[in-house]
Protein backbone atom coordinates (compact mmCIF):
# COMPACT_ATOMS: atom_id res chain seq x y z
CA MET A 1 0.20 0.03 -0.22
CA HIS A 2 1.07 3.24 -0.91
CA ASN A 3 0.55 6.89 0.38
CA VAL A 4 0.04 9.77 -2.23
CA ASP A 5 3.72 11.12 -2.20
CA GLY A 6 5.19 7.32 -2.75
CA ALA A 7 5.96 6.43 0.64
CA VAL A 8 5.14 2.58 1.39
CA ALA A 9 3.13 2.31 4.39
CA LEU A 10 4.83 -0.06 6.85
CA SER A 11 2.73 -2.60 9.28
CA THR A 12 4.43 -2.71 13.04
CA GLU A 13 4.83 -6.52 12.20
CA VAL A 14 7.16 -6.13 9.20
CA PHE A 15 10.24 -4.52 10.73
CA ALA A 16 11.22 -7.39 12.94
CA ASN A 17 10.69 -10.00 9.66
CA PRO A 18 13.91 -8.58 7.41
CA LEU A 19 12.29 -10.96 4.15
CA ALA A 20 8.69 -9.78 4.94
CA LEU A 21 9.94 -5.84 4.89
CA LEU A 22 11.76 -6.39 1.90
CA THR A 23 8.77 -7.81 0.42
CA GLN A 24 6.68 -4.89 1.38
CA LEU A 25 8.88 -2.39 -0.15
CA GLY A 26 9.02 -4.32 -3.27
CA GLU A 27 11.98 -2.36 -5.11
CA ARG A 28 15.40 -4.50 -3.96
CA ARG A 29 17.17 -1.22 -2.94
CA PRO A 30 19.43 0.18 0.50
CA VAL A 31 17.03 2.91 1.11
CA HIS A 32 12.93 4.05 0.67
CA ARG A 33 10.89 6.68 1.67
CA VAL A 34 8.50 5.12 4.12
CA THR A 35 5.22 5.62 6.70
CA LEU A 36 5.90 4.24 9.93
CA PRO A 37 3.11 2.30 11.76
CA ASP A 38 2.93 5.82 13.68
CA GLY A 39 1.94 7.83 10.32
CA MET A 40 5.24 9.74 10.62
CA PRO A 41 6.85 9.80 7.37
CA SER A 42 10.54 8.64 7.65
CA VAL A 43 13.16 7.89 5.25
CA LEU A 44 14.19 3.87 5.82
CA VAL A 45 17.71 2.61 5.40
CA THR A 46 18.04 -1.15 4.95
CA GLY A 47 21.29 -1.93 3.60
CA ASN A 48 23.77 -2.82 5.80
CA ARG A 49 26.64 -0.73 4.36
CA GLU A 50 24.15 2.52 4.05
CA ALA A 51 23.07 1.78 7.62
CA ARG A 52 26.51 2.09 9.04
CA GLU A 53 27.27 5.00 6.79
CA ALA A 54 24.14 6.83 8.12
CA LEU A 55 25.18 6.22 11.74
CA SER A 56 28.42 7.62 10.90
CA ASP A 57 27.46 10.92 9.15
CA PRO A 58 27.66 14.25 11.42
CA ARG A 59 24.67 15.39 9.19
CA LEU A 60 22.30 13.29 10.77
CA VAL A 61 21.51 14.37 14.53
CA ARG A 62 19.60 13.28 17.16
CA SER A 63 18.20 16.79 18.20
CA VAL A 64 14.94 17.00 17.15
CA GLU A 65 15.29 21.07 16.76
CA ALA A 66 16.82 19.98 13.22
CA ALA A 67 13.66 17.94 12.68
CA ASP A 68 10.66 19.30 10.23
CA PRO A 69 8.15 21.05 12.21
CA GLU A 70 5.59 19.04 10.72
CA LEU A 71 7.45 15.74 12.54
CA HIS A 72 6.77 17.47 15.95
CA LYS A 73 3.72 15.45 17.07
CA TYR A 74 5.53 12.35 16.80
CA HIS A 75 8.23 13.01 19.42
CA PRO A 76 6.52 12.93 22.77
CA LEU A 77 9.99 11.95 24.09
CA ALA A 78 11.36 15.26 22.67
CA SER A 79 8.20 17.44 23.78
CA ASP A 80 8.96 20.13 26.66
CA ASP A 81 6.44 18.10 28.55
CA TYR A 82 8.69 15.25 28.82
CA PRO A 83 11.27 15.67 31.68
CA LEU A 84 14.08 13.41 31.17
CA SER A 85 15.05 13.96 27.69
CA ARG A 86 18.89 15.29 28.44
CA HIS A 87 20.54 12.20 28.06
CA MET A 88 23.39 10.91 25.83
CA LEU A 89 20.85 9.18 23.19
CA PHE A 90 19.39 12.59 22.14
CA ALA A 91 22.74 14.36 22.40
CA ASP A 92 24.82 15.83 19.66
CA PRO A 93 28.13 16.20 19.66
CA PRO A 94 29.94 17.84 21.83
CA ASP A 95 27.44 16.92 24.82
CA HIS A 96 27.45 13.56 23.66
CA ALA A 97 31.03 13.23 24.13
CA ARG A 98 30.73 14.97 27.92
CA LEU A 99 27.75 12.77 28.90
CA ARG A 100 29.28 9.35 27.42
CA ARG A 101 32.57 9.94 29.20
CA LEU A 102 31.04 10.47 32.48
CA VAL A 103 29.28 7.03 32.40
CA SER A 104 31.53 5.11 30.41
CA LYS A 105 33.46 4.56 33.44
CA ALA A 106 31.08 2.17 34.78
CA PHE A 107 30.96 -0.05 31.88
CA THR A 108 35.06 -0.43 31.14
CA ARG A 109 35.74 -3.83 30.18
CA ARG A 110 37.07 -4.61 33.43
CA ARG A 111 34.60 -3.65 35.42
CA VAL A 112 31.88 -5.58 32.98
CA GLU A 113 33.92 -8.70 33.68
CA GLN A 114 33.95 -8.30 37.22
CA MET A 115 30.12 -8.41 36.92
CA LYS A 116 30.35 -12.26 35.83
CA PRO A 117 30.35 -13.77 38.79
CA ARG A 118 27.13 -12.16 39.99
CA ILE A 119 25.49 -12.46 36.54
CA GLN A 120 26.45 -15.98 37.29
CA GLU A 121 25.02 -16.24 40.62
CA ILE A 122 21.65 -14.28 39.64
CA THR A 123 20.86 -16.54 36.77
CA ASP A 124 21.44 -20.06 38.90
CA ARG A 125 19.22 -18.42 41.67
CA LEU A 126 16.79 -17.66 38.86
CA LEU A 127 16.74 -21.16 37.29
CA ASP A 128 16.93 -22.86 40.83
CA ALA A 129 13.39 -21.57 41.37
CA VAL A 130 11.90 -23.62 38.13
CA ILE A 131 13.89 -26.54 37.74
CA ALA A 132 12.43 -28.85 39.73
CA GLN A 133 9.24 -28.18 37.73
CA GLY A 134 10.15 -29.01 34.69
CA ARG A 135 8.39 -26.35 32.70
CA ALA A 136 9.17 -23.33 32.80
CA ASP A 137 8.67 -19.73 30.88
CA LEU A 138 12.22 -18.04 29.57
CA VAL A 139 10.77 -14.92 29.15
CA ARG A 140 9.13 -14.46 32.65
CA ASP A 141 11.38 -16.86 34.87
CA LEU A 142 14.80 -15.49 33.44
CA ALA A 143 15.13 -13.23 30.33
CA LEU A 144 13.44 -10.62 31.84
CA PRO A 145 14.49 -10.69 35.47
CA LEU A 146 18.16 -11.07 35.35
CA PRO A 147 18.69 -8.09 33.34
CA ILE A 148 16.35 -6.27 35.38
CA ALA A 149 18.41 -6.89 38.72
CA VAL A 150 22.03 -6.48 37.04
CA ILE A 151 21.42 -3.24 36.27
CA SER A 152 19.20 -2.17 39.34
CA GLU A 153 22.36 -3.48 41.16
CA MET A 154 24.76 -1.30 38.89
CA LEU A 155 22.57 1.53 39.78
CA GLY A 156 21.53 1.02 42.95
CA VAL A 157 18.11 1.05 42.60
CA PRO A 158 16.21 -1.16 44.93
CA PHE A 159 15.11 -4.36 42.93
CA GLU A 160 11.87 -4.59 44.73
CA ASP A 161 10.79 -1.66 42.63
CA ARG A 162 11.19 -3.81 39.43
CA ASP A 163 7.66 -4.50 38.64
CA GLU A 164 6.57 -0.86 38.87
CA PHE A 165 9.61 0.59 36.34
CA GLU A 166 9.50 -2.01 34.10
CA GLN A 167 5.64 -1.26 33.03
CA HIS A 168 6.48 2.45 32.68
CA ALA A 169 9.96 1.65 30.76
CA GLU A 170 7.72 -0.57 28.39
CA THR A 171 5.71 2.37 27.41
CA LEU A 172 9.28 4.92 26.93
CA THR A 173 11.03 2.18 25.08
CA GLY A 174 8.31 1.52 22.47
CA ILE A 175 7.79 -2.44 23.68
CA ASN A 176 4.23 -0.62 24.41
CA ALA A 177 3.12 0.29 21.02
CA SER A 178 -0.37 1.30 22.36
CA ALA A 179 1.08 3.99 24.55
CA SER A 180 -0.77 7.26 23.81
CA PHE A 181 1.31 10.95 24.11
CA ASP A 182 -0.03 11.51 27.56
CA SER A 183 0.92 8.26 28.91
CA ILE A 184 4.45 8.66 27.41
CA ILE A 185 4.30 11.83 29.33
CA ALA A 186 3.16 10.13 32.46
CA ALA A 187 5.36 7.32 32.69
CA GLY A 188 8.33 10.13 32.38
CA THR A 189 7.02 11.92 35.27
CA TRP A 190 6.87 9.18 37.22
CA PHE A 191 10.30 8.22 36.41
CA ASP A 192 11.44 11.73 37.01
CA ARG A 193 10.15 11.96 40.68
CA TYR A 194 11.14 8.12 41.24
CA LEU A 195 14.96 9.07 40.12
CA THR A 196 14.81 12.56 41.81
CA ASP A 197 14.18 10.61 45.47
CA LEU A 198 16.62 8.18 44.72
CA VAL A 199 19.54 10.39 43.62
CA GLU A 200 18.85 12.65 47.18
CA LEU A 201 18.95 9.08 48.89
CA ARG A 202 22.08 8.26 47.26
CA ARG A 203 23.56 12.26 47.95
CA LYS A 204 22.92 11.38 51.85
CA ASP A 205 23.84 7.61 51.76
CA PRO A 206 26.26 6.88 48.58
CA ARG A 207 26.88 3.44 47.75
CA ASP A 208 29.25 1.80 45.07
CA ASP A 209 26.54 2.51 42.15
CA LEU A 210 26.40 4.43 39.29
CA ILE A 211 23.85 6.94 40.34
CA SER A 212 26.36 7.77 43.59
CA ALA A 213 29.19 7.77 40.95
CA MET A 214 27.72 10.60 38.74
CA ILE A 215 26.86 12.46 41.69
CA ALA A 216 30.56 12.39 43.02
CA ALA A 217 31.58 13.14 39.38
CA GLN A 218 29.02 15.95 39.72
CA GLU A 219 30.55 17.43 43.22
CA GLN A 220 33.72 17.28 41.78
CA GLY A 221 33.26 20.14 39.28
CA ASP A 222 32.15 17.53 36.10
CA ARG A 223 29.62 19.51 33.98
CA LEU A 224 26.62 17.45 34.76
CA SER A 225 23.05 19.02 35.76
CA ASP A 226 20.59 17.64 38.13
CA LEU A 227 18.28 16.95 35.06
CA GLU A 228 21.05 14.98 33.15
CA LEU A 229 21.91 13.02 35.60
CA ARG A 230 18.64 12.23 36.11
CA SER A 231 17.90 11.50 32.30
CA ASN A 232 20.73 9.28 31.75
CA ALA A 233 20.08 7.36 34.83
CA LEU A 234 16.78 6.75 33.17
CA LEU A 235 18.52 5.80 29.78
CA LEU A 236 20.44 2.99 31.49
CA LEU A 237 17.93 1.93 33.81
CA SER A 238 15.51 1.46 30.68
CA ALA A 239 18.13 0.30 27.83
CA GLY A 240 20.05 -1.36 30.00
CA PHE A 241 17.44 -4.28 30.24
CA GLU A 242 15.24 -4.02 27.24
CA THR A 243 17.63 -4.98 24.94
CA THR A 244 19.21 -8.18 27.05
CA VAL A 245 15.67 -9.25 27.54
CA ASN A 246 15.35 -9.96 23.56
CA LEU A 247 18.82 -11.14 23.20
CA VAL A 248 17.98 -13.71 25.68
CA ALA A 249 14.56 -14.68 24.61
CA ASN A 250 15.39 -14.43 21.03
CA GLY A 251 18.72 -16.36 21.02
CA LEU A 252 17.03 -19.17 23.09
CA LEU A 253 14.17 -19.44 20.91
CA ALA A 254 16.46 -19.50 17.83
CA LEU A 255 18.70 -22.18 19.81
CA LEU A 256 15.32 -24.27 20.30
CA ARG A 257 14.64 -24.02 16.57
CA HIS A 258 18.25 -25.33 15.53
CA PRO A 259 18.79 -28.38 17.95
CA ASP A 260 22.17 -28.49 15.94
CA ALA A 261 23.31 -25.39 17.13
CA ILE A 262 22.53 -26.47 20.54
CA ALA A 263 24.36 -29.79 20.19
CA LEU A 264 27.48 -27.22 18.76
CA LEU A 265 27.79 -25.38 21.71
CA ARG A 266 27.47 -27.77 24.30
CA ALA A 267 30.21 -29.85 22.43
CA GLU A 268 32.29 -26.43 22.10
CA PRO A 269 31.61 -23.81 24.49
CA ALA A 270 34.67 -21.72 23.81
CA LEU A 271 32.29 -20.96 20.65
CA MET A 272 29.86 -19.03 22.98
CA PRO A 273 31.16 -15.49 22.63
CA ASN A 274 30.73 -15.75 18.76
CA ALA A 275 27.42 -17.27 19.13
CA VAL A 276 26.11 -14.72 20.82
CA ASP A 277 27.37 -12.30 17.69
CA GLU A 278 25.54 -14.77 15.26
CA LEU A 279 22.73 -14.84 17.46
CA LEU A 280 22.22 -10.95 17.41
CA ARG A 281 22.51 -10.93 13.98
CA TYR A 282 19.98 -13.86 13.15
CA ASP A 283 17.06 -12.47 15.64
CA SER A 284 17.67 -8.78 16.47
CA PRO A 285 16.65 -7.85 19.66
CA VAL A 286 16.55 -3.74 17.72
CA SER A 287 14.15 -3.83 14.58
CA CYS A 288 14.83 -0.45 14.19
CA VAL A 289 16.95 2.77 15.62
CA THR A 290 14.59 5.90 14.84
CA TYR A 291 15.34 9.59 15.87
CA HIS A 292 18.19 10.88 13.24
CA PHE A 293 16.94 13.68 11.71
CA ALA A 294 18.79 15.24 8.90
CA ARG A 295 20.47 18.84 9.65
CA GLU A 296 21.11 19.66 5.90
CA ALA A 297 20.72 17.66 2.65
CA LEU A 298 22.58 14.80 2.08
CA GLU A 299 22.57 11.42 0.26
CA ILE A 300 23.19 7.92 1.46
CA GLY A 301 23.14 5.21 -0.95
CA GLY A 302 22.11 7.48 -3.94
CA PHE A 303 19.16 8.01 -2.46
CA GLU A 304 18.62 12.10 -1.79
CA ILE A 305 17.48 12.88 1.90
CA ARG A 306 16.09 16.43 2.30
CA PRO A 307 16.38 18.71 5.39
CA GLY A 308 14.80 17.75 7.97
CA GLU A 309 13.87 14.89 6.98
CA HIS A 310 13.14 11.30 9.91
CA VAL A 311 15.88 8.87 8.99
CA VAL A 312 15.09 5.20 10.42
CA ILE A 313 17.92 2.18 10.33
CA ALA A 314 15.73 -0.88 9.87
CA ALA A 315 19.00 -2.83 11.76
CA ALA A 316 17.06 -6.37 11.83
CA ALA A 317 17.04 -6.11 7.58
CA ALA A 318 20.58 -4.76 7.73
CA ASN A 319 21.55 -7.88 9.58
CA HIS A 320 20.28 -9.92 6.80
CA ASP A 321 21.81 -7.78 3.97
CA PRO A 322 23.01 -10.64 1.47
CA ALA A 323 25.73 -8.22 0.00
CA VAL A 324 27.27 -8.60 3.20
CA PHE A 325 26.08 -11.64 4.90
CA ASP A 326 26.26 -15.00 2.81
CA ASP A 327 22.84 -16.95 2.96
CA PRO A 328 22.00 -14.62 5.90
CA GLY A 329 18.62 -16.73 6.84
CA ARG A 330 20.96 -19.46 8.02
CA LEU A 331 21.83 -19.69 11.63
CA ASP A 332 25.86 -20.00 11.71
CA LEU A 333 27.43 -20.13 15.02
CA ARG A 334 30.56 -19.97 13.24
CA ARG A 335 30.03 -17.19 11.43
CA GLU A 336 32.72 -14.04 11.83
CA ASN A 337 30.72 -11.04 11.26
CA LYS A 338 31.68 -8.77 14.01
CA GLY A 339 31.72 -4.64 12.99
CA GLN A 340 28.88 -5.53 11.03
CA ILE A 341 26.21 -6.25 13.25
CA LEU A 342 23.92 -3.47 13.80
CA SER A 343 21.86 -4.35 16.64
CA PHE A 344 23.51 -2.12 19.32
CA SER A 345 23.80 0.29 16.45
CA HIS A 346 26.60 2.10 15.10
CA GLY A 347 28.97 4.74 15.33
CA ILE A 348 29.34 7.32 18.41
CA HIS A 349 25.62 5.91 19.48
CA PHE A 350 26.99 2.43 20.04
CA CYS A 351 25.51 1.03 22.91
CA LEU A 352 27.72 1.63 25.95
CA GLY A 353 26.03 -1.60 27.43
CA ALA A 354 27.16 -3.62 24.38
CA PRO A 355 29.84 -5.69 26.26
CA LEU A 356 27.25 -6.21 29.47
CA ALA A 357 24.49 -7.35 27.41
CA LYS A 358 26.64 -10.09 25.76
CA LEU A 359 27.85 -11.27 28.79
CA GLU A 360 24.58 -11.24 30.19
CA GLY A 361 23.87 -13.37 26.85
CA GLU A 362 26.75 -15.47 26.96
CA VAL A 363 26.16 -16.73 30.84
CA ALA A 364 22.29 -17.69 30.42
CA PHE A 365 23.10 -19.35 27.23
CA GLU A 366 25.46 -21.24 28.72
CA THR A 367 23.70 -22.18 31.99
CA VAL A 368 20.12 -23.10 30.34
CA LEU A 369 22.07 -25.63 28.25
CA ARG A 370 24.22 -26.81 30.87
CA ARG A 371 21.32 -27.42 33.20
CA LEU A 372 18.71 -28.25 31.51
CA GLU A 373 18.67 -31.65 29.71
CA GLY A 374 16.03 -32.01 27.01
CA LEU A 375 15.16 -28.54 26.64
CA ALA A 376 11.98 -28.28 24.11
CA LEU A 377 9.25 -25.80 23.23
CA ALA A 378 5.94 -26.51 25.02
CA VAL A 379 4.11 -25.23 22.89
CA PRO A 380 4.11 -24.97 18.60
CA ALA A 381 6.29 -22.18 17.73
CA ASP A 382 3.63 -20.90 15.47
CA GLU A 383 1.87 -20.00 18.74
CA LEU A 384 4.19 -17.73 19.97
CA THR A 385 3.19 -13.81 20.33
CA TRP A 386 5.51 -11.15 20.31
CA LYS A 387 5.21 -7.51 21.90
CA ALA A 388 3.59 -4.73 19.47
CA SER A 389 6.66 -2.82 18.77
CA PHE A 390 8.42 -1.52 15.48
CA VAL A 391 10.98 -0.62 17.62
CA LEU A 392 12.17 -3.72 19.51
CA HIS A 393 11.67 -7.31 19.17
CA ARG A 394 10.12 -8.79 22.43
CA LEU A 395 8.30 -12.11 22.57
CA GLU A 396 5.43 -11.96 25.22
CA ARG A 397 6.59 -15.85 26.85
CA LEU A 398 8.78 -19.09 25.81
CA PRO A 399 7.02 -21.76 27.42
CA VAL A 400 9.80 -24.79 27.96
CA THR A 401 9.66 -28.30 29.23
CA PHE A 402 13.19 -29.73 30.36
CA THR A 403 14.66 -31.90 33.12
CA ALA A 404 17.68 -31.09 34.72
CA ARG A 405 21.17 -32.26 34.13
CA PRO A 406 23.17 -33.77 36.43
C-alpha cells in the first residue's frame, strides 16, 4: 500500500522480519521513503553498508530541533512536557561526548568482567526456582528478571521496585506500542519523581553504584546538571534491560529451533562469544533505530535525503543484507561478522552497555544448556506471540519443558 507521495506504508509486524519487510518495500534497494506504523513520514535504510554510513554521518543528528516542524507531533520524548530527555542518546557533539565520558567509566571491560560471578549467581538462582518443575516461561523466569537485577544493582535501584519501573519503561521504549502521547509523558513524570528521590537518597547515603558515582562526578566539578544526571540514569535503567531481555529470549528461541546449534555449543563451549554475535544478527533484539534527523541535504546509497527528514535504520533488515552476509537466513554460529551487526547501533551512539548485554547473554545461554536437559518448546512455535512494537522485538512468553541435568 502506498500513500500519495509514493511512500510505502509499513505495518508494525514487518520490521522484525527482514524478508517480509523487503517484500513489502518491493523494489530491492538500500534506502526507501516510508510511512511508519504511527503515521510518521520517514526515510528507511535497509542496506547494511548504507546503514553504517548513515549512523556515522554527522549531518544526521539526534536533536529534534533539526526535524521538520511537521514531525514534532510524533516525538513525545522530545516534547517540552517530557522531563527526562537530556541524556546521551538524544545528544549530539559536543554534549554527547561529555555525557558519554561521565557514564562510560561504569562500563569498562574490566568492570564488566568483574560482574560475571554476580551474573552467574543471579542466573543460577532464577533457574533454581523453576528447575524442579520441569517447565518454565524463559521470558518471565529468566530473560526479564536477569538484566533487571543486574542493571538495578549497577545503578543502585532497589530490586523490589522492578515491576513498577518495568511497566513504565515499556511505555517509554516503545515495547508498549499502544501507549498514547499522554501516557508517555506520564511515564516520564513518574521516573522523574522516582529518580529525584533516589538521587537525594544517594547524596545522603552514597553506595558503590552508578548513581552515586555520577553524583560524585558532579560534586567534583564535572559539567553534569541534575536533569542530565536523572535523564542518563533513566536511559541506563530502561535501555540496560530492554535489549538484553530480547537478546536472551530471541537467542534461546533460535537455539530451540536449531537443535544442531545446541549440540554444537555443548560440544564447543568456547564458541559461545561468537555464537552470541550470530544470535544478535539472526534475530535482532532491536528492529529499527529511530530519531535521526537530516540537519542538511545529504545522499545515502544514491538516495537524496531532504533537510529535516526523519531517517530510520532498519537494524534487523541490515543484519540480513545478502550483500554483506552470505546466506543471511541461515543460523551459523561459526560466522565471522563482528563490526557489521547493527543490533547495538553503530558510530558514536553504539550502545555503551553492549559488552554487558553480551556477557549476560553468554552466561544465560551457557547455564541453560548446561543445567537443562531435553530442552524443548512447550507449545508450537507458530503459537508464540510478540509485543506490538516496531522498535524492539520482544517475545511475550517462551514456555519450555526440560529435565535437570546432573
